[in-house]
């Protein structure tokens, strides 16, 4: 089937977040891990390409995203979505703005919009300022993120150094007047030369207003939630056929493992709340001795008990490891270990993988040689189960962004597949 919308995500958990919300429509959503090397075939109405470019050098991120755009155009897509984190994770150089500007240039677009709001998960934008729950972004735990510490809450100030075009705001007062009013404000801003428009949203109704106003833009950008309304809008106007292919859940063998590399506040709570057998990875010990001890521990586990292996730690411990090993090396050591553990678990019969953390998810899916995922049921807002083939076996993966889900998420995820 011809693809209606092509989406590009800057990390793997963000891609599954977006794919899961699109899949709420019941329409088939396909998630590709990296830019496919083969020409498009058997494509879904919504195709999502997951990249690992959130903290890549700007030029590399731009090149990879442009390649993804080219593949999605070959698949037939005429509308595109650039997905980044709902906490606008980026450095002063990018990569949110530079990628958006490059995609705009390739599409001949003169304006795009930015809306990382996700009210269901406590992300709201008011007067251009991003809130995490009741805290401004710069006062939330994101201020201590090990790779992209967010020290400003104002999205216009964050975006302006990343782009060459003018940055503007369509505020909550405009959004509250409806899609026509927002569309008119976007046109007014475009006439004034504003190419990059941050749009306020504090509730799901705002997201539907924004989607109605922006659905015909060649390029939309934001967190996943603003794309949630698009399938129903495309069905409503005939862009998407009513008989479009639906999602199907495969039969699945039992046996599970939980792998956590995220050190976010919520993941720390989730690891603490989980009742399964556990093994903690220490980056300093991994650097000295490798993952042998963890692999030996995993080899004697009962996967019906869903053991957890985690590097999740408090910020002070993370900083100490980074100081000794370097930021990049500390993360790479943990990712490599969790990737090796995922392969070992698969080879020992595990078929259900709960993975926490964007970088960890990228490393695990790569190690399992997963290139395509079909999207299944949501566990929590923006976090679905996904199904794939790995070494000839059908497996289920959920790739959780660090701060998503309730404290009981790991157990909730495994319970969702009971009887599958």
Protein backbone atom coordinates (compact mmCIF):
# COMPACT_ATOMS: atom_id res chain seq x y z
CA UNK A 1 0.00 0.00 0.00
CA UNK A 2 1.14 3.56 -0.68
CA UNK A 3 2.35 5.28 2.45
CA UNK A 4 0.23 8.25 3.51
CA UNK A 5 2.64 9.78 6.04
CA UNK A 6 6.34 9.24 6.58
CA UNK A 7 7.85 9.91 9.99
CA UNK A 8 11.45 10.31 11.13
CA UNK A 9 12.35 9.95 14.82
CA UNK A 10 15.63 10.94 16.44
CA UNK A 11 15.83 7.90 18.74
CA UNK A 12 14.35 4.43 18.98
CA UNK A 13 12.09 4.88 21.99
CA UNK A 14 10.73 8.09 20.50
CA UNK A 15 9.95 6.21 17.33
CA UNK A 16 7.94 3.56 19.16
CA UNK A 17 6.22 6.31 21.15
CA UNK A 18 5.08 7.94 17.89
CA UNK A 19 4.21 4.63 16.24
CA UNK A 20 2.15 3.57 19.25
CA UNK A 21 0.04 6.72 19.20
CA UNK A 22 -0.54 6.45 15.46
CA UNK A 23 -1.52 2.80 15.97
CA UNK A 24 -4.33 3.82 18.34
CA UNK A 25 -6.30 4.35 15.14
CA UNK A 26 -6.18 0.60 14.47
CA UNK A 27 -4.42 1.23 11.15
CA UNK A 28 -1.20 -0.66 10.50
CA UNK A 29 1.99 1.18 11.44
CA UNK A 30 5.42 -0.08 10.42
CA UNK A 31 8.59 0.94 12.24
CA UNK A 32 11.95 0.67 10.49
CA UNK A 33 15.14 0.60 12.54
CA UNK A 34 17.44 2.86 10.59
CA UNK A 35 17.14 3.91 6.96
CA UNK A 36 16.27 0.76 4.96
CA UNK A 37 18.88 -0.29 2.43
CA UNK A 38 16.31 -1.87 0.13
CA UNK A 39 13.70 -0.06 -1.95
CA UNK A 40 10.26 0.34 -0.33
CA UNK A 41 7.97 -2.68 -0.55
CA UNK A 42 4.96 -3.93 1.44
CA UNK A 43 4.77 -0.55 3.12
CA UNK A 44 2.18 0.42 5.73
CA UNK A 45 -0.10 3.49 5.64
CA UNK A 46 2.16 5.02 8.29
CA UNK A 47 5.89 4.38 8.07
CA UNK A 48 8.20 5.46 10.89
CA UNK A 49 11.98 5.42 10.54
CA UNK A 50 13.84 5.24 13.85
CA UNK A 51 17.27 6.82 13.86
CA UNK A 52 19.85 7.25 16.60
CA UNK A 53 20.79 10.83 15.86
CA UNK A 54 19.64 12.87 18.86
CA UNK A 55 23.20 13.57 20.00
CA UNK A 56 25.05 12.85 16.75
CA UNK A 57 27.21 15.55 15.17
CA UNK A 58 24.85 17.97 13.39
CA UNK A 59 26.09 17.17 9.88
CA UNK A 60 25.68 13.43 10.47
CA UNK A 61 22.17 13.86 11.85
CA UNK A 62 21.15 16.01 8.89
CA UNK A 63 22.55 13.56 6.35
CA UNK A 64 20.83 10.58 7.98
CA UNK A 65 17.48 12.36 8.23
CA UNK A 66 17.64 13.49 4.60
CA UNK A 67 18.32 9.88 3.57
CA UNK A 68 15.27 8.79 5.59
CA UNK A 69 13.18 11.45 3.89
CA UNK A 70 14.27 10.20 0.48
CA UNK A 71 13.24 6.62 1.31
CA UNK A 72 9.85 7.76 2.60
CA UNK A 73 9.27 9.79 -0.57
CA UNK A 74 10.00 6.65 -2.60
CA UNK A 75 7.38 4.86 -0.48
CA UNK A 76 4.81 7.38 -1.70
CA UNK A 77 4.50 9.64 1.33
CA UNK A 78 3.55 13.25 0.66
CA UNK A 79 3.30 14.38 4.30
CA UNK A 80 6.15 14.12 6.77
CA UNK A 81 6.71 14.33 10.52
CA UNK A 82 10.02 15.00 12.32
CA UNK A 83 9.73 13.57 15.82
CA UNK A 84 11.90 14.55 18.78
CA UNK A 85 11.53 14.16 22.53
CA UNK A 86 8.67 15.75 24.46
CA UNK A 87 11.33 17.42 26.61
CA UNK A 88 12.96 18.98 23.51
CA UNK A 89 16.25 17.20 24.24
CA UNK A 90 18.97 18.99 22.32
CA UNK A 91 22.20 20.93 22.58
CA UNK A 92 22.62 24.60 21.60
CA UNK A 93 23.75 23.38 18.15
CA UNK A 94 20.89 20.94 17.48
CA UNK A 95 19.81 18.56 16.29
CA UNK A 96 16.15 19.56 16.30
CA UNK A 97 16.45 22.82 14.37
CA UNK A 98 19.12 21.88 11.81
CA UNK A 99 17.26 18.72 10.80
CA UNK A 100 13.96 20.58 10.50
CA UNK A 101 15.56 23.22 8.29
CA UNK A 102 17.22 20.61 6.07
CA UNK A 103 13.95 18.71 5.61
CA UNK A 104 12.12 21.96 4.87
CA UNK A 105 14.67 22.78 2.17
CA UNK A 106 14.31 19.34 0.56
CA UNK A 107 10.50 19.64 0.61
CA UNK A 108 10.37 23.25 -0.52
CA UNK A 109 8.55 24.19 2.70
CA UNK A 110 8.69 27.79 3.87
CA UNK A 111 7.29 27.18 7.35
CA UNK A 112 6.97 24.42 9.91
CA UNK A 113 5.68 24.10 13.46
CA UNK A 114 7.11 22.79 16.73
CA UNK A 115 4.96 21.20 19.44
CA UNK A 116 6.61 18.72 21.83
CA UNK A 117 3.61 18.80 24.21
CA UNK A 118 2.29 15.45 25.52
CA UNK A 119 -0.39 16.24 28.14
CA UNK A 120 -1.05 12.56 28.95
CA UNK A 121 2.56 12.31 30.11
CA UNK A 122 2.66 15.70 31.82
CA UNK A 123 4.32 17.74 29.05
CA UNK A 124 2.65 21.09 28.35
CA UNK A 125 3.64 24.31 26.56
CA UNK A 126 2.34 27.69 27.70
CA UNK A 127 3.51 30.99 26.24
CA UNK A 128 6.35 29.08 24.63
CA UNK A 129 7.61 27.58 27.89
CA UNK A 130 7.75 23.81 28.31
CA UNK A 131 6.57 22.25 31.54
CA UNK A 132 7.21 18.74 32.89
CA UNK A 133 4.29 18.20 35.21
CA UNK A 134 4.09 21.41 37.24
CA UNK A 135 7.79 22.16 36.86
CA UNK A 136 9.37 24.31 34.14
CA UNK A 137 11.67 22.16 32.02
CA UNK A 138 14.78 23.80 33.46
CA UNK A 139 13.68 22.95 37.02
CA UNK A 140 12.68 19.35 36.21
CA UNK A 141 14.98 16.30 36.43
CA UNK A 142 15.89 17.05 32.78
CA UNK A 143 18.27 19.71 34.07
CA UNK A 144 20.58 16.83 35.06
CA UNK A 145 20.28 14.76 31.88
CA UNK A 146 23.76 13.26 31.25
CA UNK A 147 23.79 14.04 27.50
CA UNK A 148 21.37 16.91 26.95
CA UNK A 149 20.93 18.84 30.21
CA UNK A 150 18.03 21.26 29.67
CA UNK A 151 18.78 24.54 31.45
CA UNK A 152 16.18 26.77 29.75
CA UNK A 153 12.41 26.23 29.58
CA UNK A 154 11.66 28.63 26.72
CA UNK A 155 11.42 26.78 23.41
CA UNK A 156 11.97 29.88 21.27
CA UNK A 157 15.24 30.63 23.07
CA UNK A 158 16.28 27.00 22.75
CA UNK A 159 15.40 26.80 19.05
CA UNK A 160 16.70 30.16 17.81
CA UNK A 161 20.45 29.32 17.97
CA UNK A 162 19.79 26.10 16.03
CA UNK A 163 18.15 27.63 12.94
CA UNK A 164 18.79 30.37 10.42
CA UNK A 165 15.12 31.34 9.90
CA UNK A 166 13.01 33.48 12.22
CA UNK A 167 11.36 31.84 15.23
CA UNK A 168 7.87 32.80 16.45
CA UNK A 169 5.04 31.69 18.74
CA UNK A 170 1.39 30.80 18.29
CA UNK A 171 0.22 30.98 21.87
CA UNK A 172 -2.55 29.26 23.84
CA UNK A 173 -4.95 32.16 23.28
CA UNK A 174 -4.79 31.57 19.52
CA UNK A 175 -5.08 27.78 19.87
CA UNK A 176 -8.14 28.18 22.11
CA UNK A 177 -9.97 29.97 19.27
CA UNK A 178 -9.77 26.87 17.06
CA UNK A 179 -8.10 25.49 13.95
CA UNK A 180 -9.19 28.30 11.62
CA UNK A 181 -7.78 30.95 13.94
CA UNK A 182 -4.52 29.04 14.31
CA UNK A 183 -4.26 28.54 10.56
CA UNK A 184 -4.74 32.29 10.06
CA UNK A 185 -2.06 33.08 12.66
CA UNK A 186 0.39 30.74 10.97
CA UNK A 187 -0.29 32.47 7.64
CA UNK A 188 0.25 35.88 9.26
CA UNK A 189 3.54 34.75 10.77
CA UNK A 190 4.67 33.29 7.44
CA UNK A 191 3.91 36.60 5.72
CA UNK A 192 6.17 38.24 8.32
CA UNK A 193 8.98 35.84 7.46
CA UNK A 194 8.62 33.51 10.45
CA UNK A 195 9.66 30.04 9.32
CA UNK A 196 9.69 28.23 12.68
CA UNK A 197 6.59 28.47 14.88
CA UNK A 198 6.37 27.07 18.41
CA UNK A 199 2.73 26.28 19.26
CA UNK A 200 1.33 26.14 22.78
CA UNK A 201 -0.65 23.10 23.98
CA UNK A 202 -1.81 22.28 27.49
CA UNK A 203 -4.48 19.62 26.85
CA UNK A 204 -5.32 16.93 24.30
CA UNK A 205 -8.00 19.15 22.75
CA UNK A 206 -5.24 21.61 21.87
CA UNK A 207 -3.38 18.86 20.03
CA UNK A 208 -6.42 18.09 17.89
CA UNK A 209 -6.78 21.79 17.07
CA UNK A 210 -3.13 21.97 16.08
CA UNK A 211 -3.35 18.80 13.97
CA UNK A 212 -6.40 20.16 12.11
CA UNK A 213 -4.64 23.44 11.42
CA UNK A 214 -1.31 21.92 10.35
CA UNK A 215 -2.20 18.59 8.72
CA UNK A 216 -1.58 19.90 5.18
CA UNK A 217 1.89 21.24 5.99
CA UNK A 218 4.56 19.34 4.03
CA UNK A 219 6.45 18.97 7.31
CA UNK A 220 5.18 18.91 10.88
CA UNK A 221 7.54 18.56 13.84
CA UNK A 222 7.04 17.79 17.49
CA UNK A 223 6.66 15.14 20.11
CA UNK A 224 4.51 12.17 19.26
CA UNK A 225 1.25 13.41 20.77
CA UNK A 226 0.51 16.10 18.21
CA UNK A 227 0.58 13.41 15.50
CA UNK A 228 -1.96 11.28 17.38
CA UNK A 229 -4.97 12.95 15.72
CA UNK A 230 -3.67 12.66 12.17
CA UNK A 231 -4.96 9.15 11.30
CA UNK A 232 -8.57 10.09 12.14
CA UNK A 233 -8.24 13.34 10.20
CA UNK A 234 -6.85 11.49 7.18
CA UNK A 235 -9.68 8.96 7.39
CA UNK A 236 -12.18 11.80 7.66
CA UNK A 237 -11.00 13.60 4.52
CA UNK A 238 -10.34 10.45 2.45
CA UNK A 239 -6.54 10.77 2.44
CA UNK A 240 -6.51 7.38 4.17
CA UNK A 241 -8.81 4.61 2.92
CA UNK A 242 -11.36 3.27 5.39
CA UNK A 243 -10.23 -0.29 4.52
CA UNK A 244 -6.54 0.46 5.19
CA UNK A 245 -4.62 -2.56 6.59
CA UNK A 246 -5.11 -3.16 10.32
CA UNK A 247 -2.59 -4.21 12.97
CA UNK A 248 -2.34 -7.95 13.82
CA UNK A 249 -0.68 -9.45 16.95
CA UNK A 250 1.35 -12.64 16.32
CA UNK A 251 1.50 -15.76 18.46
CA UNK A 252 4.34 -15.45 20.92
CA UNK A 253 6.36 -17.85 23.06
CA UNK A 254 6.91 -17.06 26.73
CA UNK A 255 10.09 -16.08 28.57
CA UNK A 256 11.02 -12.45 29.28
CA UNK A 257 13.87 -10.18 30.30
CA UNK A 258 13.98 -6.53 31.41
CA UNK A 259 17.00 -4.45 30.33
CA UNK A 260 17.37 -0.92 31.68
CA UNK A 261 20.05 1.59 30.76
CA UNK A 262 18.05 4.73 31.47
CA UNK A 263 18.96 6.78 34.55
CA UNK A 264 15.91 9.05 34.48
CA UNK A 265 13.99 9.72 37.69
CA UNK A 266 11.02 7.60 36.60
CA UNK A 267 13.13 4.67 35.45
CA UNK A 268 14.94 4.71 38.80
CA UNK A 269 11.55 4.38 40.49
CA UNK A 270 10.50 1.63 38.07
CA UNK A 271 13.63 -0.39 38.74
CA UNK A 272 13.14 -0.01 42.49
CA UNK A 273 9.51 -1.13 42.24
CA UNK A 274 10.17 -4.21 40.10
CA UNK A 275 10.00 -7.55 41.93
CA UNK A 276 11.88 -9.83 39.51
CA UNK A 277 15.38 -11.29 40.01
CA UNK A 278 17.94 -8.51 39.47
CA UNK A 279 21.54 -7.80 38.52
CA UNK A 280 23.06 -4.32 38.56
CA UNK A 281 25.68 -3.30 36.01
CA UNK A 282 28.43 -0.93 37.17
CA UNK A 283 30.15 0.95 34.31
CA UNK A 284 33.48 1.01 36.15
CA UNK A 285 33.38 -2.76 36.70
CA UNK A 286 32.32 -3.30 33.08
CA UNK A 287 35.25 -1.19 31.89
CA UNK A 288 37.65 -3.37 33.89
CA UNK A 289 36.15 -6.84 33.60
CA UNK A 290 33.59 -6.77 30.78
CA UNK A 291 30.06 -8.24 31.00
CA UNK A 292 31.12 -11.80 31.90
CA UNK A 293 29.63 -11.76 35.40
CA UNK A 294 26.30 -10.49 34.14
CA UNK A 295 26.21 -13.05 31.33
CA UNK A 296 26.99 -15.85 33.79
CA UNK A 297 24.20 -14.66 36.09
CA UNK A 298 21.73 -14.44 33.22
CA UNK A 299 22.61 -17.94 32.01
CA UNK A 300 21.16 -19.53 35.15
CA UNK A 301 17.99 -17.44 35.32
CA UNK A 302 14.44 -18.69 34.74
CA UNK A 303 13.05 -16.39 32.06
CA UNK A 304 9.51 -17.15 33.18
CA UNK A 305 10.47 -15.05 36.25
CA UNK A 306 11.46 -12.14 33.93
CA UNK A 307 14.85 -11.16 35.42
CA UNK A 308 16.06 -7.56 35.18
CA UNK A 309 19.57 -6.35 34.35
CA UNK A 310 20.05 -2.63 34.86
CA UNK A 311 22.64 0.13 34.85
CA UNK A 312 20.08 2.60 36.21
CA UNK A 313 21.70 4.73 38.93
CA UNK A 314 21.41 8.03 40.78
CA UNK A 315 22.80 11.20 39.09
CA UNK A 316 25.86 11.39 41.39
CA UNK A 317 26.87 7.82 40.50
CA UNK A 318 26.36 8.52 36.79
CA UNK A 319 28.54 11.64 36.97
CA UNK A 320 31.25 9.76 38.85
CA UNK A 321 31.40 7.07 36.15
CA UNK A 322 31.41 9.71 33.42
CA UNK A 323 34.23 11.59 35.15
CA UNK A 324 36.38 8.46 35.23
CA UNK A 325 35.50 7.00 31.83
CA UNK A 326 34.24 9.99 29.84
CA UNK A 327 30.60 10.65 28.99
CA UNK A 328 30.59 8.82 25.68
CA UNK A 329 32.65 5.85 26.88
CA UNK A 330 30.53 5.32 30.00
CA UNK A 331 27.37 5.14 27.93
CA UNK A 332 28.95 2.95 25.26
CA UNK A 333 30.16 0.38 27.78
CA UNK A 334 26.69 0.01 29.28
CA UNK A 335 24.97 -0.15 25.88
CA UNK A 336 27.38 -2.83 24.64
CA UNK A 337 26.80 -4.93 27.75
CA UNK A 338 23.02 -4.71 27.58
CA UNK A 339 23.14 -5.53 23.86
CA UNK A 340 25.19 -8.66 24.56
CA UNK A 341 22.77 -9.64 27.34
CA UNK A 342 19.80 -9.23 24.99
CA UNK A 343 21.36 -11.63 22.48
CA UNK A 344 22.18 -14.12 25.22
CA UNK A 345 18.61 -13.94 26.53
CA UNK A 346 17.18 -14.51 23.06
CA UNK A 347 19.47 -17.46 22.44
CA UNK A 348 18.40 -18.92 25.80
CA UNK A 349 14.72 -18.71 24.84
CA UNK A 350 13.50 -15.29 25.99
CA UNK A 351 10.96 -13.85 23.55
CA UNK A 352 9.66 -10.79 25.43
CA UNK A 353 12.02 -7.86 25.93
CA UNK A 354 11.25 -4.79 28.05
CA UNK A 355 13.91 -2.16 27.32
CA UNK A 356 14.26 1.20 29.09
CA UNK A 357 16.23 4.09 27.61
CA UNK A 358 16.66 5.49 24.13
CA UNK A 359 20.35 4.68 23.70
CA UNK A 360 19.83 1.24 25.23
CA UNK A 361 16.93 0.54 22.88
CA UNK A 362 19.06 1.42 19.89
CA UNK A 363 21.86 -0.87 21.01
CA UNK A 364 19.52 -3.77 21.81
CA UNK A 365 17.55 -3.66 18.56
CA UNK A 366 20.76 -3.44 16.57
CA UNK A 367 22.25 -6.43 18.42
CA UNK A 368 19.07 -8.44 17.86
CA UNK A 369 19.30 -7.51 14.16
CA UNK A 370 15.79 -6.11 14.16
CA UNK A 371 15.17 -3.98 11.09
CA UNK A 372 11.38 -3.71 11.14
CA UNK A 373 8.73 -3.72 13.87
CA UNK A 374 4.96 -3.99 13.65
CA UNK A 375 3.20 -1.97 16.33
CA UNK A 376 0.86 -3.59 18.83
CA UNK A 377 -1.04 -2.67 21.98
CA UNK A 378 -0.08 0.32 24.12
CA UNK A 379 1.17 -0.36 27.64
CA UNK A 380 1.25 3.28 28.71
CA UNK A 381 0.70 6.47 26.73
CA UNK A 382 3.26 6.45 23.93
CA UNK A 383 4.79 3.05 24.82
CA UNK A 384 3.49 0.09 22.76
CA UNK A 385 4.51 -3.51 22.40
CA UNK A 386 6.18 -4.15 19.05
CA UNK A 387 6.70 -7.42 17.18
CA UNK A 388 9.64 -8.45 15.04
CA UNK A 389 11.79 -11.30 13.78
CA UNK A 390 15.20 -11.99 15.33
CA UNK A 391 17.36 -14.95 14.35
CA UNK A 392 14.28 -16.73 12.97
CA UNK A 393 12.19 -16.23 16.13
CA UNK A 394 9.16 -13.99 16.66
CA UNK A 395 9.88 -11.63 19.54
CA UNK A 396 8.08 -8.81 21.32
CA UNK A 397 9.90 -5.63 22.31
CA UNK A 398 8.81 -2.56 24.18
CA UNK A 399 11.24 0.33 23.97
CA UNK A 400 10.50 2.79 26.77
CA UNK A 401 11.69 6.36 26.89
CA UNK A 402 13.26 7.07 30.25
CA UNK A 403 10.57 9.17 31.92
CA UNK A 404 7.50 7.39 30.49
CA UNK A 405 5.21 4.96 32.29
CA UNK A 406 4.08 4.45 35.89
CA UNK A 407 6.32 3.02 38.61
CA UNK A 408 4.78 -0.38 37.90
CA UNK A 409 5.61 -0.16 34.18
CA UNK A 410 7.82 -3.26 33.89
CA UNK A 411 5.21 -5.52 35.47
CA UNK A 412 2.42 -3.73 33.56
CA UNK A 413 4.21 -4.38 30.28
CA UNK A 414 4.63 -8.09 30.88
CA UNK A 415 1.04 -8.40 32.09
CA UNK A 416 -0.20 -6.82 28.87
CA UNK A 417 1.13 -9.80 26.90
CA UNK A 418 -0.41 -12.48 29.12
CA UNK A 419 -2.25 -14.93 26.94
CA UNK A 420 -0.54 -13.59 23.80
